């Protein structure tokens, strides 16, 4: 699924080159990142890894003592931070020419949704994998119920930087197009959300869509519940981060 209209490729490139990368810095790791770590740690020690769009290098930092960790990042400040953390930063010319060498695994963590033309980049990345190498993608889940109800209301798709959402059907197409195998599709929540917050979000989500769809409940019972009827006036769906709104997809070279 693609959104439109979008900023141009040049405008997006200028934005990512200039933005303060620390907006993406968080303590600890998201559930999707922990799932990626779990899979990467199954590789033999010394394996060569690439984090494409590595930002400050926070994802691969815990692995630098056991693996050869590389990063590709167009934001110079973020790339410097990643280098300090022990990642070998791949330059644009080296990446484009293939002079960066081959990798046992490539990770794209919260990058896929920023791509205007994902197939071309996926083809390039798969070409940098050794036989049996894996491309790990963590991104928003286009198959999540919150997205299927109406992609324009999906909280992760409303970000101006997010241009496309991955679903299982498209991941299967990518595998066929790139002569790879889709060996894992794991649906996860983006955040570790406490139980009480999950309950609150679920109630708000339910109420919004009851009124949005003008169901029988929305015209009979729900207007009599003060805390619920406020949802009738909400212009967009509330953030619903307590569901399996993200995915770890793994493509393996044949």
Protein backbone atom coordinates (compact mmCIF):
# COMPACT_ATOMS: atom_id res chain seq x y z
CA UNK A 1 0.00 0.00 0.00
CA UNK A 2 1.33 3.40 -1.00
CA UNK A 3 0.31 6.85 0.15
CA UNK A 4 -0.04 9.86 -2.11
CA UNK A 5 0.79 12.69 -2.52
CA UNK A 6 4.33 12.51 -1.15
CA UNK A 7 7.35 14.72 -0.87
CA UNK A 8 9.70 14.32 -3.82
CA UNK A 9 12.74 12.05 -3.65
CA UNK A 10 15.03 15.09 -3.47
CA UNK A 11 12.95 16.67 -0.68
CA UNK A 12 12.96 13.44 1.30
CA UNK A 13 16.72 13.03 0.83
CA UNK A 14 17.36 16.58 2.02
CA UNK A 15 15.12 16.00 5.03
CA UNK A 16 16.84 12.78 6.15
CA UNK A 17 20.28 14.30 5.62
CA UNK A 18 19.44 17.26 7.85
CA UNK A 19 17.05 15.86 10.47
CA UNK A 20 18.21 15.43 14.08
CA UNK A 21 18.65 11.65 14.26
CA UNK A 22 18.14 11.73 18.02
CA UNK A 23 14.36 11.88 17.44
CA UNK A 24 14.65 8.11 16.83
CA UNK A 25 16.86 7.41 19.84
CA UNK A 26 15.05 5.43 22.54
CA UNK A 27 16.28 3.46 25.56
CA UNK A 28 16.22 -0.29 25.08
CA UNK A 29 14.79 -2.03 22.03
CA UNK A 30 11.35 -2.41 20.45
CA UNK A 31 9.82 -5.92 20.25
CA UNK A 32 10.61 -6.00 16.52
CA UNK A 33 14.26 -5.14 17.22
CA UNK A 34 14.51 -7.86 19.86
CA UNK A 35 13.10 -10.34 17.32
CA UNK A 36 15.75 -9.23 14.81
CA UNK A 37 18.48 -9.65 17.43
CA UNK A 38 17.20 -13.13 18.20
CA UNK A 39 17.53 -14.16 14.56
CA UNK A 40 20.92 -12.47 14.01
CA UNK A 41 22.40 -14.17 17.07
CA UNK A 42 21.75 -17.52 15.39
CA UNK A 43 24.45 -16.68 12.83
CA UNK A 44 28.01 -17.93 13.41
CA UNK A 45 30.39 -15.60 15.21
CA UNK A 46 32.24 -13.36 12.77
CA UNK A 47 29.35 -13.17 10.29
CA UNK A 48 29.20 -9.95 8.31
CA UNK A 49 26.12 -7.83 8.99
CA UNK A 50 24.80 -4.64 7.38
CA UNK A 51 22.25 -2.32 8.97
CA UNK A 52 20.82 -0.34 6.05
CA UNK A 53 19.61 3.02 7.37
CA UNK A 54 21.44 2.38 10.62
CA UNK A 55 20.97 5.87 12.10
CA UNK A 56 23.18 6.00 15.21
CA UNK A 57 23.95 2.28 15.05
CA UNK A 58 21.95 1.45 18.15
CA UNK A 59 20.53 -1.78 16.70
CA UNK A 60 23.85 -3.50 15.96
CA UNK A 61 25.84 -2.01 18.86
CA UNK A 62 25.25 -5.06 21.12
CA UNK A 63 26.63 -7.33 18.38
CA UNK A 64 29.89 -5.57 17.45
CA UNK A 65 32.00 -7.78 19.72
CA UNK A 66 30.82 -10.98 18.01
CA UNK A 67 30.12 -9.95 14.40
CA UNK A 68 31.53 -7.68 11.71
CA UNK A 69 28.93 -4.95 11.87
CA UNK A 70 28.54 -2.43 9.06
CA UNK A 71 26.12 0.41 8.54
CA UNK A 72 24.79 2.57 5.73
CA UNK A 73 23.42 6.00 6.68
CA UNK A 74 22.94 9.24 4.71
CA UNK A 75 22.71 11.43 7.82
CA UNK A 76 26.31 12.41 8.53
CA UNK A 77 25.81 13.09 12.25
CA UNK A 78 24.10 9.75 12.78
CA UNK A 79 26.78 7.94 10.76
CA UNK A 80 29.52 9.47 12.93
CA UNK A 81 27.74 8.24 16.05
CA UNK A 82 27.38 4.76 14.56
CA UNK A 83 31.09 4.71 13.72
CA UNK A 84 31.96 5.62 17.32
CA UNK A 85 29.79 2.72 18.44
CA UNK A 86 31.87 0.31 16.38
CA UNK A 87 30.08 0.05 13.04
CA UNK A 88 32.03 0.20 9.80
CA UNK A 89 30.16 2.84 7.78
CA UNK A 90 29.67 2.02 4.10
CA UNK A 91 29.90 5.04 1.77
CA UNK A 92 27.32 5.76 -0.92
CA UNK A 93 29.77 5.05 -3.79
CA UNK A 94 30.87 1.77 -2.19
CA UNK A 95 27.26 0.71 -1.73
CA UNK A 96 26.20 1.67 -5.25
CA UNK A 97 29.17 -0.04 -6.90
CA UNK A 98 29.10 -3.14 -4.71
CA UNK A 99 32.64 -2.43 -3.49
CA UNK A 100 31.36 -2.83 0.06
CA UNK A 101 31.48 -6.61 -0.38
CA UNK A 102 28.96 -9.30 0.49
CA UNK A 103 27.04 -9.87 3.72
CA UNK A 104 25.63 -12.80 5.64
CA UNK A 105 22.63 -10.73 6.73
CA UNK A 106 21.20 -7.29 6.03
CA UNK A 107 18.78 -5.54 8.37
CA UNK A 108 16.27 -2.82 7.53
CA UNK A 109 14.76 -1.69 10.83
CA UNK A 110 11.87 0.79 10.45
CA UNK A 111 13.22 1.77 7.02
CA UNK A 112 10.94 0.00 4.53
CA UNK A 113 8.01 2.33 5.26
CA UNK A 114 10.15 5.30 4.18
CA UNK A 115 10.74 3.97 0.65
CA UNK A 116 9.04 5.41 -2.41
CA UNK A 117 10.28 2.58 -4.67
CA UNK A 118 10.99 -0.47 -2.46
CA UNK A 119 11.43 -3.12 -5.15
CA UNK A 120 14.50 -1.49 -6.69
CA UNK A 121 16.24 -1.16 -3.35
CA UNK A 122 15.29 -4.68 -2.28
CA UNK A 123 16.86 -6.01 -5.48
CA UNK A 124 20.08 -4.11 -4.74
CA UNK A 125 20.22 -5.37 -1.16
CA UNK A 126 19.52 -8.98 -2.11
CA UNK A 127 22.39 -8.73 -4.59
CA UNK A 128 24.73 -7.97 -1.69
CA UNK A 129 23.84 -11.13 0.21
CA UNK A 130 25.94 -14.27 0.19
CA UNK A 131 24.22 -17.54 -0.83
CA UNK A 132 21.82 -18.40 1.97
CA UNK A 133 22.02 -14.85 3.32
CA UNK A 134 19.01 -13.18 4.90
CA UNK A 135 17.35 -9.79 4.54
CA UNK A 136 15.51 -8.87 7.76
CA UNK A 137 12.78 -6.24 7.45
CA UNK A 138 11.01 -4.75 10.46
CA UNK A 139 8.22 -2.36 9.52
CA UNK A 140 4.54 -1.54 9.89
CA UNK A 141 2.14 -4.40 9.27
CA UNK A 142 -0.22 -3.65 6.41
CA UNK A 143 -2.23 -6.72 7.38
CA UNK A 144 -2.93 -5.42 10.89
CA UNK A 145 -6.65 -5.01 11.51
CA UNK A 146 -6.12 -1.35 12.46
CA UNK A 147 -4.62 -0.78 9.00
CA UNK A 148 -7.12 -2.88 7.02
CA UNK A 149 -10.06 -0.93 8.47
CA UNK A 150 -8.77 2.17 6.68
CA UNK A 151 -5.06 2.71 5.91
CA UNK A 152 -5.53 6.50 6.09
CA UNK A 153 -6.50 6.11 9.77
CA UNK A 154 -3.67 3.70 10.68
CA UNK A 155 -1.47 5.55 13.18
CA UNK A 156 1.78 4.32 11.64
CA UNK A 157 0.73 5.33 8.12
CA UNK A 158 -0.20 8.90 9.14
CA UNK A 159 3.44 9.88 9.65
CA UNK A 160 4.45 12.17 6.75
CA UNK A 161 7.71 10.21 6.35
CA UNK A 162 5.94 6.87 5.86
CA UNK A 163 5.21 6.19 2.22
CA UNK A 164 4.25 2.50 2.04
CA UNK A 165 3.07 -0.38 4.21
CA UNK A 166 4.21 -3.97 3.80
CA UNK A 167 1.69 -6.81 3.84
CA UNK A 168 2.19 -10.56 3.48
CA UNK A 169 0.97 -10.60 -0.11
CA UNK A 170 3.56 -8.02 -1.16
CA UNK A 171 6.30 -9.79 0.82
CA UNK A 172 5.46 -12.98 -1.08
CA UNK A 173 5.63 -11.01 -4.35
CA UNK A 174 9.04 -9.66 -3.34
CA UNK A 175 10.30 -13.18 -2.66
CA UNK A 176 9.14 -14.32 -6.11
CA UNK A 177 10.47 -11.21 -7.86
CA UNK A 178 13.87 -11.40 -6.15
CA UNK A 179 14.30 -15.19 -6.40
CA UNK A 180 14.25 -15.55 -2.63
CA UNK A 181 12.24 -17.40 0.00
CA UNK A 182 10.03 -15.73 2.58
CA UNK A 183 11.19 -17.79 5.56
CA UNK A 184 9.65 -15.81 8.40
CA UNK A 185 6.67 -13.51 8.88
CA UNK A 186 6.26 -12.61 12.53
CA UNK A 187 3.55 -10.11 13.53
CA UNK A 188 4.46 -8.09 16.61
CA UNK A 189 3.54 -4.92 18.44
CA UNK A 190 5.85 -1.96 17.90
CA UNK A 191 5.81 -1.07 21.61
CA UNK A 192 5.85 -2.83 24.96
CA UNK A 193 2.47 -1.53 26.09
CA UNK A 194 1.32 -2.10 29.71
CA UNK A 195 -1.90 -4.08 30.19
CA UNK A 196 -3.94 -1.10 31.38
CA UNK A 197 -2.87 1.00 28.40
CA UNK A 198 -3.76 -1.86 26.05
CA UNK A 199 -7.26 -1.98 27.55
CA UNK A 200 -7.72 1.80 27.22
CA UNK A 201 -6.50 1.81 23.62
CA UNK A 202 -8.73 -1.13 22.70
CA UNK A 203 -11.82 0.59 24.12
CA UNK A 204 -11.02 3.85 22.32
CA UNK A 205 -10.35 1.99 19.07
CA UNK A 206 -13.61 0.05 19.36
CA UNK A 207 -15.64 3.18 20.12
CA UNK A 208 -14.19 5.19 17.23
CA UNK A 209 -14.98 2.53 14.66
CA UNK A 210 -18.47 1.90 16.00
CA UNK A 211 -19.33 5.57 15.44
CA UNK A 212 -17.37 5.73 12.19
CA UNK A 213 -19.34 2.83 10.72
CA UNK A 214 -22.65 3.98 12.23
CA UNK A 215 -23.33 0.59 13.77
CA UNK A 216 -26.42 -0.24 15.80
CA UNK A 217 -24.44 0.14 19.01
CA UNK A 218 -23.34 3.63 17.99
CA UNK A 219 -26.94 4.77 17.62
CA UNK A 220 -28.43 3.05 20.66
CA UNK A 221 -26.22 2.21 23.63
CA UNK A 222 -22.87 3.98 23.19
CA UNK A 223 -24.19 7.59 23.11
CA UNK A 224 -25.39 7.04 26.68
CA UNK A 225 -21.87 6.28 27.96
CA UNK A 226 -20.13 9.66 28.63
CA UNK A 227 -16.57 8.33 28.32
CA UNK A 228 -17.41 6.53 25.08
CA UNK A 229 -19.58 9.01 23.20
CA UNK A 230 -16.68 11.47 22.86
CA UNK A 231 -15.34 9.15 20.17
CA UNK A 232 -18.26 10.29 17.97
CA UNK A 233 -16.47 13.63 17.38
CA UNK A 234 -12.93 12.38 16.82
CA UNK A 235 -11.77 13.31 13.28
CA UNK A 236 -9.21 10.49 13.03
CA UNK A 237 -8.73 7.13 14.70
CA UNK A 238 -6.84 7.25 18.01
CA UNK A 239 -3.38 5.72 18.07
CA UNK A 240 -3.75 1.98 18.51
CA UNK A 241 -0.25 0.73 19.26
CA UNK A 242 -1.31 -2.20 21.42
CA UNK A 243 -1.99 -4.57 18.51
CA UNK A 244 0.25 -6.59 16.18
CA UNK A 245 0.85 -3.47 14.09
CA UNK A 246 4.40 -4.37 13.04
CA UNK A 247 6.13 -7.32 11.46
CA UNK A 248 9.49 -8.98 11.10
CA UNK A 249 9.76 -10.37 7.56
CA UNK A 250 12.80 -12.41 6.50
CA UNK A 251 13.78 -13.03 2.87
CA UNK A 252 16.47 -15.65 2.29
CA UNK A 253 18.53 -16.01 -0.88
CA UNK A 254 18.15 -19.29 -2.74
